[in-house]
Amino acid sequence: MNIQTALIPHKHVRFCDSIVGLAGFIRTLLVEPRTVDELWALMSYDNSPWPSRPPLEYLIYAIDTLFALKLVEMIDNTGRIRLRQAG
């Protein structure tokens, strides 16, 4: 599967396999600031509510999507990502 077909859900890609869907799920995991490694570990648990384990590159693309939409921000010098405050 190429990245273009994984970006948005359509008749050949389930929502849980799309980067947009994964980005939404990542937002729910950011109840506190987390590193990429912590997010990856949360996605890897057997009891994770996400139906499939995405490749690491899709996780990175989903985080990049959240940055592009200005929904998350990096905390200085910690390597942690947090939800951006409205305002």
C-alpha atoms as a PDB file:
ATOM      1  CA  MET A   1       0.000   0.000   0.000  1.00  0.00           C
ATOM      2  CA  ASN A   2       1.414   3.402  -0.847  1.00  0.00           C
ATOM      3  CA  ILE A   3       1.144   6.442   1.375  1.00  0.00           C
ATOM      4  CA  GLN A   4      -1.422   8.199  -0.806  1.00  0.00           C
ATOM      5  CA  THR A   5      -3.983   5.427  -0.375  1.00  0.00           C
ATOM      6  CA  ALA A   6      -3.357   5.328   3.376  1.00  0.00           C
ATOM      7  CA  LEU A   7      -3.881   9.040   3.984  1.00  0.00           C
ATOM      8  CA  ILE A   8      -7.651   9.059   3.984  1.00  0.00           C
ATOM      9  CA  PRO A   9     -10.238   6.310   4.266  1.00  0.00           C
ATOM     10  CA  HIS A  10     -12.092   5.284   1.129  1.00  0.00           C
ATOM     11  CA  LYS A  11     -13.699   2.143  -0.182  1.00  0.00           C
ATOM     12  CA  HIS A  12     -10.392   0.233  -0.203  1.00  0.00           C
ATOM     13  CA  VAL A  13      -8.946   1.454   3.114  1.00  0.00           C
ATOM     14  CA  ARG A  14     -10.693   0.986   6.436  1.00  0.00           C
ATOM     15  CA  PHE A  15     -10.842   4.004   8.728  1.00  0.00           C
ATOM     16  CA  CYS A  16      -8.633   2.241  11.276  1.00  0.00           C
ATOM     17  CA  ASP A  17      -5.974   1.751   8.578  1.00  0.00           C
ATOM     18  CA  SER A  18      -5.977   5.406   7.495  1.00  0.00           C
ATOM     19  CA  ILE A  19      -3.548   8.021   8.754  1.00  0.00           C
ATOM     20  CA  VAL A  20      -6.390  10.436   9.470  1.00  0.00           C
ATOM     21  CA  GLY A  21      -8.083   7.848  11.675  1.00  0.00           C
ATOM     22  CA  LEU A  22      -4.810   7.041  13.405  1.00  0.00           C
ATOM     23  CA  ALA A  23      -4.177  10.750  14.042  1.00  0.00           C
ATOM     24  CA  GLY A  24      -7.545  11.008  15.767  1.00  0.00           C
ATOM     25  CA  PHE A  25      -6.721   8.039  17.974  1.00  0.00           C
ATOM     26  CA  ILE A  26      -3.334   9.532  18.868  1.00  0.00           C
ATOM     27  CA  ARG A  27      -5.131  12.657  20.071  1.00  0.00           C
ATOM     28  CA  THR A  28      -7.014  10.510  22.568  1.00  0.00           C
ATOM     29  CA  LEU A  29      -3.697   9.116  23.859  1.00  0.00           C
ATOM     30  CA  LEU A  30      -2.311  12.589  24.521  1.00  0.00           C
ATOM     31  CA  VAL A  31      -4.077  13.118  27.851  1.00  0.00           C
ATOM     32  CA  GLU A  32      -0.586  13.943  29.097  1.00  0.00           C
ATOM     33  CA  PRO A  33       2.572  14.837  27.157  1.00  0.00           C
ATOM     34  CA  ARG A  34       4.167  11.752  25.600  1.00  0.00           C
ATOM     35  CA  THR A  35       7.178  10.847  23.490  1.00  0.00           C
ATOM     36  CA  VAL A  36       6.899   9.040  20.174  1.00  0.00           C
ATOM     37  CA  ASP A  37       8.266   5.919  21.901  1.00  0.00           C
ATOM     38  CA  GLU A  38       5.542   6.097  24.531  1.00  0.00           C
ATOM     39  CA  LEU A  39       2.853   6.468  21.858  1.00  0.00           C
ATOM     40  CA  TRP A  40       4.324   3.518  19.948  1.00  0.00           C
ATOM     41  CA  ALA A  41       4.300   1.410  23.128  1.00  0.00           C
ATOM     42  CA  LEU A  42       0.648   2.293  23.786  1.00  0.00           C
ATOM     43  CA  MET A  43      -0.227   1.225  20.241  1.00  0.00           C
ATOM     44  CA  SER A  44       1.648  -2.058  20.710  1.00  0.00           C
ATOM     45  CA  TYR A  45      -0.261  -3.326  23.741  1.00  0.00           C
ATOM     46  CA  ASP A  46      -2.378  -6.397  23.113  1.00  0.00           C
ATOM     47  CA  ASN A  47      -5.364  -4.744  24.792  1.00  0.00           C
ATOM     48  CA  SER A  48      -5.054  -1.499  22.804  1.00  0.00           C
ATOM     49  CA  PRO A  49      -8.482  -0.257  21.687  1.00  0.00           C
ATOM     50  CA  TRP A  50      -7.118   0.408  18.183  1.00  0.00           C
ATOM     51  CA  PRO A  51      -8.068  -2.602  16.008  1.00  0.00           C
ATOM     52  CA  SER A  52      -4.764  -2.977  14.176  1.00  0.00           C
ATOM     53  CA  ARG A  53      -1.106  -2.254  14.873  1.00  0.00           C
ATOM     54  CA  PRO A  54       0.037   0.288  12.303  1.00  0.00           C
ATOM     55  CA  PRO A  55       3.595   0.433  10.974  1.00  0.00           C
ATOM     56  CA  LEU A  56       5.860   2.892  12.789  1.00  0.00           C
ATOM     57  CA  GLU A  57       6.036   5.108   9.697  1.00  0.00           C
ATOM     58  CA  TYR A  58       2.231   5.523   9.759  1.00  0.00           C
ATOM     59  CA  LEU A  59       2.442   6.585  13.393  1.00  0.00           C
ATOM     60  CA  ILE A  60       5.020   9.216  12.410  1.00  0.00           C
ATOM     61  CA  TYR A  61       2.867  10.377   9.478  1.00  0.00           C
ATOM     62  CA  ALA A  62      -0.140  10.676  11.789  1.00  0.00           C
ATOM     63  CA  ILE A  63       1.868  12.766  14.258  1.00  0.00           C
ATOM     64  CA  ASP A  64       3.098  14.920  11.355  1.00  0.00           C
ATOM     65  CA  THR A  65      -0.521  15.391  10.300  1.00  0.00           C
ATOM     66  CA  LEU A  66      -1.400  16.611  13.798  1.00  0.00           C
ATOM     67  CA  PHE A  67       1.541  19.049  13.669  1.00  0.00           C
ATOM     68  CA  ALA A  68       0.445  20.291  10.234  1.00  0.00           C
ATOM     69  CA  LEU A  69      -3.062  20.912  11.552  1.00  0.00           C
ATOM     70  CA  LYS A  70      -1.537  22.699  14.578  1.00  0.00           C
ATOM     71  CA  LEU A  71      -3.317  20.374  17.002  1.00  0.00           C
ATOM     72  CA  VAL A  72      -0.165  19.320  18.864  1.00  0.00           C
ATOM     73  CA  GLU A  73       3.088  20.980  19.840  1.00  0.00           C
ATOM     74  CA  MET A  74       6.520  19.923  21.050  1.00  0.00           C
ATOM     75  CA  ILE A  75       7.557  20.700  24.598  1.00  0.00           C
ATOM     76  CA  ASP A  76      10.967  22.373  24.550  1.00  0.00           C
ATOM     77  CA  ASN A  77      13.989  20.082  25.061  1.00  0.00           C
ATOM     78  CA  THR A  78      11.950  17.138  26.352  1.00  0.00           C
ATOM     79  CA  GLY A  79      11.012  15.330  23.148  1.00  0.00           C
ATOM     80  CA  ARG A  80       7.428  15.175  24.360  1.00  0.00           C
ATOM     81  CA  ILE A  81       4.334  16.044  22.354  1.00  0.00           C
ATOM     82  CA  ARG A  82       1.232  17.560  23.903  1.00  0.00           C
ATOM     83  CA  LEU A  83      -2.130  18.778  22.705  1.00  0.00           C
ATOM     84  CA  ARG A  84      -2.041  22.423  21.783  1.00  0.00           C
ATOM     85  CA  GLN A  85      -4.022  24.738  24.015  1.00  0.00           C
ATOM     86  CA  ALA A  86      -6.880  26.580  22.314  1.00  0.00           C
ATOM     87  CA  GLY A  87      -6.543  30.304  22.169  1.00  0.00           C
END
